[in-house]
Protein backbone atom coordinates (compact mmCIF):
# COMPACT_ATOMS: atom_id res chain seq x y z
CA MET A 1 54.31 -105.68 -18.74
CA ARG A 2 51.91 -104.43 -15.90
CA ALA A 3 48.54 -106.83 -15.29
CA PRO A 4 45.46 -104.70 -16.08
CA ASP A 5 43.44 -103.30 -13.02
CA ASN A 6 40.25 -105.33 -12.76
CA SER A 7 38.78 -103.48 -9.51
CA GLN A 8 36.58 -101.31 -11.94
CA ARG A 9 35.23 -104.61 -13.60
CA ARG A 10 34.67 -106.33 -10.19
CA GLY A 11 32.54 -103.13 -8.88
CA PHE A 12 30.56 -102.90 -11.81
CA GLU A 13 29.78 -107.06 -11.31
CA ARG A 14 28.58 -105.90 -7.90
CA LEU A 15 26.68 -102.93 -8.99
CA GLY A 16 25.09 -105.55 -11.37
CA ASN A 17 23.91 -107.78 -8.75
CA LEU A 18 21.64 -105.09 -6.87
CA PRO A 19 18.22 -105.71 -7.41
CA PRO A 20 16.89 -103.74 -10.20
CA SER A 21 14.52 -101.38 -8.23
CA ALA A 22 17.70 -99.93 -6.31
CA LEU A 23 19.22 -99.27 -9.69
CA LEU A 24 16.28 -97.21 -10.60
CA SER A 25 16.44 -95.19 -7.35
CA LEU A 26 20.21 -94.86 -7.28
CA GLY A 27 19.80 -93.42 -11.39
CA GLY A 28 17.11 -90.93 -9.88
CA ALA A 29 18.96 -89.66 -7.24
CA LEU A 30 21.85 -88.84 -9.65
CA VAL A 31 19.89 -87.06 -12.25
CA LEU A 32 18.39 -85.12 -9.42
CA LEU A 33 22.08 -84.21 -8.20
CA LEU A 34 22.89 -83.24 -11.49
CA ALA A 35 20.23 -81.00 -12.05
CA SER A 36 20.25 -79.08 -8.71
CA ILE A 37 24.22 -78.75 -9.15
CA GLY A 38 23.62 -77.10 -12.77
CA LEU A 39 20.51 -74.78 -11.56
CA ILE A 40 22.69 -73.53 -8.58
CA MET A 41 25.47 -72.61 -11.09
CA PHE A 42 22.99 -70.81 -14.07
CA THR A 43 21.60 -68.73 -10.79
CA ILE A 44 24.98 -67.62 -9.74
CA SER A 45 25.73 -66.40 -13.09
CA ALA A 46 22.44 -64.70 -13.64
CA ARG A 47 22.81 -62.73 -10.61
CA ARG A 48 26.67 -61.76 -11.41
CA GLY A 49 25.22 -60.76 -14.53
CA ALA A 50 22.23 -58.56 -13.72
CA ALA A 51 23.98 -56.75 -10.60
CA PRO A 52 25.66 -53.59 -12.52
CA ALA A 53 21.92 -53.06 -14.72
CA ALA A 54 20.23 -53.02 -11.31
CA ALA A 55 22.34 -50.77 -9.89
CA ALA A 56 21.92 -48.20 -12.83
CA THR A 57 18.39 -48.50 -12.59
CA THR A 58 17.59 -48.47 -8.87
CA PRO A 59 16.36 -44.88 -8.13
CA THR A 60 18.00 -43.11 -4.90
CA PRO A 61 15.55 -43.04 -2.30
CA THR A 62 14.23 -39.60 -0.75
CA ALA A 63 12.49 -38.22 1.76
CA PHE A 64 9.50 -37.60 -0.52
CA VAL A 65 9.31 -41.29 -1.85
CA ALA A 66 8.83 -42.19 1.71
CA LEU A 67 6.02 -39.76 2.30
CA VAL A 68 3.61 -40.06 -0.98
CA GLU A 69 1.59 -42.59 -1.14
CA THR A 70 -0.38 -42.99 -4.28
CA PRO A 71 -2.47 -46.43 -5.64
CA GLN A 72 -0.48 -48.59 -7.38
CA PRO A 73 -1.32 -48.77 -11.47
CA THR A 74 -2.60 -51.76 -12.45
CA PRO A 75 0.40 -54.45 -14.30
CA THR A 76 -0.67 -55.83 -17.32
CA THR A 77 0.94 -58.97 -16.29
CA ALA A 78 -0.42 -61.62 -14.03
CA GLN A 79 -1.45 -60.85 -10.49
CA PRO A 80 0.96 -61.37 -8.00
CA THR A 81 0.23 -64.05 -5.20
CA ASP A 82 1.73 -61.94 -2.56
CA VAL A 83 0.00 -58.31 -1.34
CA PRO A 84 2.51 -55.71 -1.65
CA THR A 85 3.52 -53.74 1.31
CA PRO A 86 2.77 -49.78 1.41
CA ALA A 87 6.56 -48.87 1.22
CA ALA A 88 6.83 -51.14 -1.46
CA THR A 89 3.87 -49.49 -3.45
CA ALA A 90 5.20 -46.16 -2.71
CA ALA A 91 8.89 -46.71 -4.25
CA VAL A 92 7.15 -48.53 -7.14
CA THR A 93 4.60 -45.17 -7.83
CA ALA A 94 7.56 -42.64 -7.37
CA THR A 95 9.39 -44.75 -9.71
CA ALA A 96 6.93 -44.76 -12.45
CA ARG A 97 6.25 -41.14 -11.76
CA ARG A 98 9.49 -39.88 -12.65
CA SER A 99 10.17 -42.48 -15.53
CA THR A 100 6.56 -42.30 -17.33
CA PRO A 101 5.06 -38.86 -17.98
CA HIS A 102 1.34 -38.26 -18.12
CA PRO A 103 -0.26 -37.97 -21.35
CA THR A 104 -0.99 -34.37 -22.52
CA GLY A 105 -4.90 -33.42 -22.00
CA THR A 106 -4.89 -35.93 -19.05
CA PRO A 107 -4.31 -33.82 -15.94
CA ALA A 108 -3.27 -35.86 -12.96
CA PRO A 109 -5.64 -35.30 -10.11
CA LEU A 110 -4.70 -33.01 -7.33
CA GLY A 111 -1.86 -34.19 -4.81
CA SER A 112 -1.05 -37.16 -6.86
CA ALA A 113 2.51 -35.45 -8.58
CA GLN A 114 2.90 -32.36 -6.57
CA SER A 115 5.65 -31.05 -4.42
CA ARG A 116 4.95 -30.84 -0.16
CA ALA A 117 5.06 -27.34 -0.89
CA VAL A 118 2.30 -26.73 -3.90
CA ASP A 119 -0.19 -29.56 -1.72
CA GLY A 120 0.20 -27.26 1.43
CA LEU A 121 -0.70 -24.01 -0.46
CA ALA A 122 -3.74 -25.78 -2.05
CA GLY A 123 -4.61 -27.05 1.31
CA ALA A 124 -4.25 -23.47 2.86
CA MET A 125 -6.29 -21.68 -0.48
CA LEU A 126 -9.04 -24.13 -0.03
CA ALA A 127 -9.42 -23.46 3.64
CA ALA A 128 -9.30 -19.73 3.21
CA THR A 129 -12.30 -20.01 1.03
CA GLY A 130 -14.60 -22.35 2.51
CA GLY A 131 -13.36 -25.41 0.95
CA ALA A 132 -12.69 -28.99 1.68
CA ALA A 133 -8.96 -28.79 2.04
CA LEU A 134 -6.54 -31.47 1.41
CA PRO A 135 -4.41 -32.29 4.62
CA PRO A 136 -1.08 -30.99 4.27
CA PRO A 137 1.66 -33.76 4.04
CA PRO A 138 3.57 -34.05 7.13
CA THR A 139 6.87 -32.63 7.29
CA PRO A 140 9.50 -34.94 8.28
CA THR A 141 11.56 -34.48 10.76
CA PRO A 142 15.89 -34.95 10.49
CA ALA A 143 15.45 -37.97 12.41
CA ALA A 144 13.28 -39.80 9.49
CA VAL A 145 14.97 -37.75 6.71
CA ALA A 146 18.36 -39.08 7.68
CA ALA A 147 16.88 -42.62 8.09
CA ALA A 148 15.65 -43.01 4.96
CA PRO A 149 18.73 -43.55 3.12
CA THR A 150 19.48 -46.31 5.18
CA LYS A 151 16.27 -48.87 3.92
CA ALA A 152 17.58 -51.32 1.43
CA PRO A 153 16.08 -50.38 -2.52
CA PRO A 154 14.56 -52.70 -3.88
CA THR A 155 16.03 -55.05 -6.30
CA PRO A 156 14.27 -55.69 -9.52
CA ALA A 157 14.48 -59.02 -10.83
CA PRO A 158 17.10 -60.13 -13.72
CA PRO A 159 15.50 -60.99 -17.26
CA PRO A 160 14.84 -64.63 -17.43
CA PRO A 161 17.41 -67.36 -19.05
CA ALA A 162 16.36 -68.49 -22.72
CA ALA A 163 15.99 -72.05 -21.28
CA ASN A 164 13.38 -70.95 -18.43
CA PRO A 165 10.61 -72.96 -18.14
CA PRO A 166 7.13 -71.76 -19.24
CA ALA A 167 5.18 -69.49 -17.56
CA ALA A 168 2.25 -71.91 -17.12
CA ALA A 169 4.91 -74.18 -14.61
CA ASN A 170 6.52 -71.20 -12.97
CA PRO A 171 4.54 -67.86 -12.44
CA PRO A 172 6.36 -64.59 -12.50
CA ALA A 173 6.55 -63.38 -8.69
CA PRO A 174 5.96 -59.56 -7.51
CA ALA A 175 7.88 -56.63 -7.73
CA ASN A 176 9.50 -56.46 -4.69
CA THR A 177 7.09 -58.53 -1.70
CA GLY A 178 9.68 -56.76 0.75
CA THR A 179 10.00 -60.13 2.80
CA GLY A 180 13.30 -61.51 1.33
CA GLY A 181 11.97 -64.31 -0.45
CA ALA A 182 13.65 -65.51 -3.79
CA PRO A 183 14.15 -63.17 -6.38
CA PRO A 184 11.34 -62.86 -9.21
CA ALA A 185 11.97 -65.11 -12.47
CA ALA A 186 10.48 -62.50 -14.44
CA PRO A 187 10.48 -58.52 -14.20
CA PRO A 188 7.34 -56.24 -13.62
CA ALA A 189 5.65 -54.77 -16.70
CA ALA A 190 6.39 -51.13 -16.50
CA PRO A 191 2.99 -49.11 -15.50
CA THR A 192 0.80 -47.77 -17.82
CA ALA A 193 0.18 -43.80 -18.32
CA THR A 194 -3.36 -43.92 -16.79
CA PRO A 195 -2.99 -43.20 -12.96
CA GLY A 196 -4.73 -45.36 -11.03
CA PRO A 197 -8.31 -44.78 -9.29
CA GLN A 198 -8.02 -42.79 -5.95
CA ALA A 199 -8.65 -44.63 -2.94
CA ASP A 200 -11.19 -42.87 -1.27
CA THR A 201 -13.10 -39.80 -2.52
CA PRO A 202 -11.78 -37.81 -5.81
CA PRO A 203 -9.35 -34.51 -5.21
CA THR A 204 -11.29 -31.31 -4.53
CA PRO A 205 -10.27 -29.00 -7.54
CA VAL A 206 -8.78 -25.34 -6.39
CA PRO A 207 -11.71 -23.34 -7.20
CA PRO A 208 -10.38 -20.41 -9.24
CA THR A 209 -11.01 -17.36 -6.85
CA ALA A 210 -8.80 -18.87 -4.30
CA THR A 211 -5.98 -16.25 -4.57
CA PRO A 212 -7.88 -13.50 -3.15
CA ILE A 213 -7.47 -10.08 -5.13
CA PRO A 214 -6.94 -6.90 -3.01
CA PRO A 215 -9.75 -4.09 -3.35
CA THR A 216 -8.73 -1.36 -6.06
CA PRO A 217 -7.77 1.78 -4.05
CA THR A 218 -9.95 4.68 -4.57
CA ALA A 219 -8.59 8.05 -5.07
CA ILE A 220 -8.83 10.39 -1.72
CA PRO A 221 -11.85 12.97 -2.70
CA THR A 222 -10.47 16.80 -2.37
CA PRO A 223 -12.54 18.02 0.82
CA VAL A 224 -14.99 20.47 0.36
CA VAL A 225 -15.01 24.06 1.46
CA PRO A 226 -17.16 26.43 2.64
CA ALA A 227 -18.31 28.98 -0.09
CA VAL A 228 -16.80 32.56 0.02
CA ALA A 229 -18.64 35.27 1.10
CA LEU A 230 -17.25 38.69 -0.61
CA PRO A 231 -17.85 41.83 1.49
CA ALA A 232 -21.47 43.00 0.44
CA PRO A 233 -21.78 46.49 -1.71
CA GLY A 234 -22.73 48.16 1.42
CA ALA A 235 -20.21 47.11 3.63
CA ARG A 236 -18.36 50.21 2.64
CA PRO A 237 -20.07 53.68 1.49
CA TYR A 238 -18.11 53.59 -2.06
CA ARG A 239 -17.75 51.28 -5.14
CA TYR A 240 -15.06 51.01 -7.61
CA ALA A 241 -15.99 50.74 -11.35
CA LEU A 242 -12.63 49.95 -13.05
CA THR A 243 -12.03 49.31 -17.24
CA TYR A 244 -9.47 46.45 -17.04
CA THR A 245 -6.84 45.47 -19.48
CA GLN A 246 -5.66 42.07 -18.78
CA SER A 247 -2.09 41.21 -19.35
CA ALA A 248 -1.48 38.44 -16.86
CA ASN A 249 -0.31 34.78 -17.72
CA LEU A 250 -3.63 33.10 -16.99
CA ALA A 251 -2.93 29.59 -18.36
CA GLY A 252 0.37 29.61 -15.95
CA ALA A 253 -1.87 29.93 -12.56
CA PRO A 254 -1.87 27.29 -10.39
CA VAL A 255 -4.22 24.36 -10.52
CA SER A 256 -4.65 23.27 -6.88
CA THR A 257 -3.45 24.97 -3.32
CA ASN A 258 -4.42 24.15 0.19
CA ALA A 259 -7.51 25.75 2.32
CA TYR A 260 -6.78 25.81 6.12
CA ALA A 261 -8.87 24.85 8.83
CA VAL A 262 -7.90 27.28 11.33
CA THR A 263 -8.62 27.13 15.39
CA TRP A 264 -9.21 30.55 16.98
CA PRO A 265 -7.44 31.39 20.56
CA ASP A 266 -10.03 31.12 23.40
CA TYR A 267 -9.32 34.07 25.75
CA THR A 268 -10.48 34.34 29.13
CA SER A 269 -11.95 37.06 31.23
CA ALA A 270 -8.47 37.13 32.77
CA ASP A 271 -6.63 37.26 29.60
CA VAL A 272 -8.30 40.38 28.78
CA ALA A 273 -7.96 42.67 31.46
CA ALA A 274 -4.72 41.77 31.60
CA LEU A 275 -4.13 43.17 28.24
CA ALA A 276 -6.54 45.94 29.31
CA GLN A 277 -3.74 46.95 31.89
CA SER A 278 -1.12 46.78 29.60
CA LEU A 279 -3.05 49.11 26.92
CA GLY A 280 -3.49 51.82 29.92
CA LEU A 281 -7.15 51.13 30.16
CA HIS A 282 -8.34 51.49 33.43
CA GLY A 283 -12.08 49.84 33.23
CA ALA A 284 -13.91 46.79 34.47
CA VAL A 285 -14.08 43.85 32.24
CA THR A 286 -17.96 43.24 30.78
CA ALA A 287 -19.02 40.10 29.01
CA GLN A 288 -20.57 40.95 25.78
CA GLY A 289 -21.87 39.05 22.52
CA GLY A 290 -20.16 36.11 23.26
CA GLY A 291 -16.97 37.79 24.39
CA TYR A 292 -15.76 40.62 26.40
CA ARG A 293 -15.61 44.51 26.39
CA VAL A 294 -13.57 47.19 27.98
CA SER A 295 -14.72 50.59 28.02
CA ALA A 296 -12.24 53.16 29.60
CA PRO A 297 -11.45 56.93 29.17
CA GLU A 298 -8.16 55.93 27.29
CA GLY A 299 -10.21 53.86 24.76
CA THR A 300 -12.03 50.62 24.30
CA LEU A 301 -11.02 46.87 24.15
CA THR A 302 -13.11 44.00 22.49
CA VAL A 303 -12.29 40.46 21.84
CA ALA A 304 -14.76 37.98 20.62
CA ASP A 305 -14.23 34.94 18.47
CA GLY A 306 -10.48 35.37 18.53
CA LEU A 307 -10.21 39.20 17.37
CA ILE A 308 -8.74 41.60 19.36
CA THR A 309 -9.92 45.17 18.39
CA TYR A 310 -8.21 48.24 20.19
CA THR A 311 -9.33 51.64 19.17
CA ALA A 312 -7.86 54.79 21.18
CA ALA A 313 -9.63 57.95 22.31
CA GLN A 314 -9.66 60.68 20.12
CA ALA A 315 -6.67 62.56 20.25
CA SER A 316 -6.48 66.35 19.98
CA ALA A 317 -6.25 68.32 16.78
CA GLN A 318 -2.67 68.61 15.61
CA ALA A 319 -1.22 70.12 12.98
CA PRO A 320 -0.53 67.91 9.86
CA ALA A 321 2.61 66.40 9.59
CA GLU A 322 4.77 64.57 7.05
CA PRO A 323 3.85 60.72 7.08
CA MET A 324 6.35 58.40 8.22
CA GLY A 325 8.37 56.12 6.04
CA ASP A 326 7.74 52.66 5.52
CA ASP A 327 10.62 51.35 7.43
CA ALA A 328 9.85 53.64 10.54
CA ALA A 329 6.08 52.46 10.57
CA ARG A 330 7.20 48.81 10.38
CA THR A 331 9.43 49.26 13.08
CA ALA A 332 6.80 50.96 15.56
CA ALA A 333 4.19 48.62 14.53
CA ARG A 334 6.36 45.72 15.71
CA ARG A 335 7.76 47.69 19.18
CA TRP A 336 4.07 48.37 19.78
CA LEU A 337 2.89 44.78 19.35
CA ALA A 338 5.99 43.03 21.35
CA ALA A 339 5.30 45.45 24.13
CA HIS A 340 1.65 43.96 24.72
CA GLY A 341 2.43 39.91 23.87
CA LEU A 342 0.69 40.74 20.53
CA LEU A 343 3.81 39.66 18.27
CA PRO A 344 3.18 35.70 17.56
CA SER A 345 5.98 34.03 15.06
CA GLY A 346 5.68 33.73 11.81
CA ILE A 347 4.49 36.78 10.54
CA ASP A 348 6.11 38.43 7.30
CA ASN A 349 7.82 42.04 6.65
CA GLY A 350 4.50 43.69 6.72
CA THR A 351 2.71 45.77 4.10
CA VAL A 352 2.71 49.77 4.46
CA THR A 353 -0.21 51.94 3.12
CA HIS A 354 -2.05 54.95 4.00
CA PRO A 355 -5.43 54.67 3.60
CA ASN A 356 -6.80 57.98 5.19
CA PRO A 357 -4.68 61.47 5.80
CA GLY A 358 -2.21 61.39 8.53
CA GLN A 359 -2.83 57.70 9.16
CA THR A 360 -0.06 54.97 8.22
CA LEU A 361 -1.36 51.28 8.36
CA VAL A 362 0.82 48.36 9.17
CA SER A 363 -0.47 45.01 7.98
CA PHE A 364 1.27 41.59 8.86
CA GLU A 365 0.42 38.36 7.69
CA LEU A 366 0.85 34.78 8.25
CA GLN A 367 4.62 33.99 6.59
CA THR A 368 3.42 30.22 5.54
CA LEU A 369 0.74 32.08 3.38
CA THR A 370 1.92 33.32 0.08
CA GLY A 371 -0.72 35.90 -1.15
CA PRO A 372 -3.20 38.40 0.46
CA VAL A 373 -5.65 37.77 3.01
CA LEU A 374 -8.80 39.02 2.78
CA GLY A 375 -10.70 39.75 5.76
CA ASP A 376 -9.69 40.28 9.67
CA VAL A 377 -7.20 37.69 9.93
CA GLY A 378 -3.63 39.16 10.47
CA ILE A 379 -2.12 42.14 12.36
CA ALA A 380 -3.17 45.57 11.24
CA VAL A 381 -1.85 48.69 13.66
CA ALA A 382 -2.64 52.02 12.44
CA LEU A 383 -0.36 54.91 13.15
CA ASP A 384 -0.65 59.03 13.32
CA ASP A 385 2.27 60.95 11.88
CA ALA A 386 3.62 61.05 14.98
CA GLY A 387 4.22 57.24 15.41
CA THR A 388 1.59 56.91 17.86
CA VAL A 389 -0.68 53.61 17.53
CA ARG A 390 -4.37 54.84 17.48
CA ALA A 391 -6.03 51.45 16.71
CA ALA A 392 -4.79 47.88 16.21
CA GLY A 393 -6.97 44.70 15.00
CA TYR A 394 -5.25 41.15 16.17
CA ARG A 395 -6.76 37.49 14.74
CA TRP A 396 -3.75 35.09 14.50
CA PRO A 397 -5.02 31.33 14.42
CA ALA A 398 -4.04 29.25 17.51
CA ASN A 399 -3.85 26.11 14.88
CA ALA A 400 -4.13 26.06 10.73
CA THR A 401 -4.59 22.58 9.68
CA PRO A 402 -4.29 22.83 5.53
CA ARG A 403 -6.11 20.54 3.31
CA PRO A 404 -5.62 20.13 -0.38
CA VAL A 405 -8.26 21.86 -2.57
CA ALA A 406 -8.66 21.60 -6.46
CA LEU A 407 -8.89 25.15 -8.21
CA ARG A 408 -11.47 26.50 -10.93
CA SER A 409 -9.54 27.97 -14.10
CA ALA A 410 -8.11 31.40 -13.99
CA THR A 411 -10.26 32.34 -17.11
CA SER A 412 -13.48 31.58 -15.66
CA ALA A 413 -12.56 33.70 -12.28
CA TRP A 414 -11.51 36.36 -14.82
CA ALA A 415 -14.54 36.43 -16.33
CA ASP A 416 -16.23 37.18 -12.96
CA VAL A 417 -13.87 40.02 -12.67
CA GLN A 418 -15.19 41.56 -15.74
CA ALA A 419 -18.80 41.03 -14.91
CA GLY A 420 -18.34 43.23 -12.01
CA LYS A 421 -18.68 40.23 -9.35
CA GLY A 422 -14.79 40.74 -7.63
CA TYR A 423 -14.14 42.71 -4.79
CA VAL A 424 -11.53 45.31 -5.43
CA VAL A 425 -9.45 46.96 -3.08
CA VAL A 426 -7.14 50.03 -4.43
CA ASP A 427 -4.15 51.19 -2.02
CA TRP A 428 -4.40 54.95 -2.48
CA THR A 429 -5.49 57.89 0.65
CA LEU A 430 -9.03 57.91 0.67
CA PRO A 431 -10.82 61.67 1.75
CA TRP A 432 -12.12 61.39 5.44
CA GLN A 433 -15.50 62.34 4.26
CA ILE A 434 -17.08 59.97 1.40
CA GLN A 435 -20.72 60.76 0.68
CA GLN A 436 -22.42 57.25 0.69
CA GLY A 437 -22.81 55.39 -2.83
CA THR A 438 -19.51 57.54 -4.45
CA VAL A 439 -18.33 55.56 -7.42
CA TYR A 440 -14.66 55.61 -8.17
CA SER A 441 -13.79 54.88 -11.84
CA GLY A 442 -10.68 54.51 -13.91
CA ALA A 443 -8.46 52.26 -15.88
CA ALA A 444 -6.56 49.11 -14.51
CA THR A 445 -3.96 46.85 -15.99
CA VAL A 446 -3.78 43.38 -14.35
CA THR A 447 -0.16 42.03 -14.48
CA GLN A 448 -0.19 39.11 -12.13
CA VAL A 449 -2.82 36.44 -10.97
CA THR A 450 -1.95 34.75 -7.65
CA VAL A 451 -3.68 32.53 -4.88
CA GLY A 452 -5.13 34.35 -1.66
CA TRP A 453 -7.24 33.62 0.98
CA ALA A 454 -10.32 34.62 2.41
CA VAL A 455 -12.36 34.00 5.59
CA ALA A 456 -15.32 31.53 5.42
CA ALA A 457 -16.87 29.71 8.14
CA ALA A 458 -18.27 26.04 7.28
CA SER A 459 -21.95 24.92 8.26
CA ASP A 460 -20.71 23.49 11.64
CA GLY A 461 -19.08 26.72 12.50
CA THR A 462 -15.41 25.58 11.96
CA PRO A 463 -13.69 28.55 10.48
CA TYR A 464 -11.67 28.07 6.98
CA LEU A 465 -9.17 30.28 4.82
CA VAL A 466 -10.02 29.68 1.61
CA PRO A 467 -8.18 29.96 -1.32
CA VAL A 468 -9.26 32.86 -4.04
CA TYR A 469 -7.73 34.53 -6.99
CA VAL A 470 -6.19 37.21 -6.56
CA PHE A 471 -5.76 39.33 -10.21
CA GLN A 472 -2.99 42.78 -9.01
CA GLY A 473 -1.65 45.52 -11.06
CA GLN A 474 -1.62 49.19 -10.93
CA ALA A 475 -4.97 51.53 -11.29
CA THR A 476 -5.19 55.14 -12.29
CA LEU A 477 -8.54 56.67 -10.77
CA ASP A 478 -10.11 59.57 -12.19
CA GLY A 479 -8.82 62.66 -11.00
CA GLN A 480 -5.65 61.16 -9.69
CA GLN A 481 -2.46 61.62 -11.02
CA GLN A 482 0.13 58.92 -9.61
CA PRO A 483 -1.25 54.98 -10.27
CA ALA A 484 -1.76 52.92 -7.15
CA PRO A 485 -1.77 49.16 -6.38
CA PHE A 486 -5.13 47.55 -6.99
CA ARG A 487 -6.03 43.82 -5.98
CA VAL A 488 -9.31 41.85 -7.17
CA PHE A 489 -10.57 38.84 -5.25
CA VAL A 490 -13.04 36.20 -6.50
CA PRO A 491 -13.31 32.82 -5.52
CA ALA A 492 -10.84 30.25 -6.62
CA ALA A 493 -11.79 26.65 -5.07
CA ALA A 494 -13.55 24.57 -7.97
CA GLY A 495 -17.46 24.39 -7.89
CA GLN A 496 -17.40 28.11 -6.36
């Protein structure tokens, strides 16, 4: 049988021989050692248990979090012992804004929860209206944006254990001091919904008129054209007194058209001399009435204000012959105009009439105008029965600028025709000798209403082709067997 080991007993005997103070110190050291080991083990266990939760709640840092700086909301817990850095304040503020919305009815101050684009727009609008603009946030460079994710995000403290010492003995540390110290014993309280006070001055609200409102476009006014002055009753030795029957569609008349500001050619003395030589007039060019005149035994040529008038010498009496046909008269007139350099481009086919016995008149007008022209604008060539040109008138604009014009109603214009205010033209052959004041009466039927033009001058002297209404049809004059075409011209522009 093995004898008992008395070494342990001898060790306790030696320990008992120590003085009481040494025994007390040894016991205290042993207690502290055990307490330290327990605290270390507890801390490691707490860190391992809180790591997943911290990773789940830690927000991902972005460039916006690093750029927005706002005062930290006041926590409800005890004041921290250390002052937090601006980076920590920005991170906590951004986290609080994302997790805790502002309560309804309490708008956040301008710039407290706005994106950089909205802040920049508000500043630009205020600067445009003269207000105090908020400084736009700086635009991060690519290097700054790339460097932001490398910063270690703050790690919130794990919850305290059940056996944590009282708060009076161990006060809680701040949320994140940024100094790498020991983790806090308790997490920071969630910030309240009420935003903290501004650091310097209150934000400037955006005025309601920050966005400029473009002016309302106004309608382009219709240009005022000069009034048409119809030929006076005494311009010819006769007049017409017709009884009208109206069968045209007045409701289908146009409501607008163009007036034309025209420019007449400026003929020089050399131009007049060359034309006189071409016409076979052997005479000198003289100045007359702001124009030129050439008188010769062969005829007369006058040029003034863009109007060319040619009259051949009186021909010897000839036996009456059959009038020329319309096509032959047009061909002869065009040939004569081309030979003397008076055939412009843009003329129409020509209208043939027989105003006097033994005379055929071919009239050409601007092809761009869709109606007849009252006055001396255009080209008129008078031929005798043999096809010889006896007279000619030429007034062709060098330039014509259209101007839109509103028209009055055709019904009101027709009332002027019935009242005898229009200018009547009948395409029939007048006798050579007409007594002054002769009245030609008859019955006329209106079958169409169109728009024509008449010459008028503005107050500054600018010549215009002003629109007129043209009521046309067939008229049978007293004593005549065959009806003849007729036209009645009345002003058409609104306000005339």
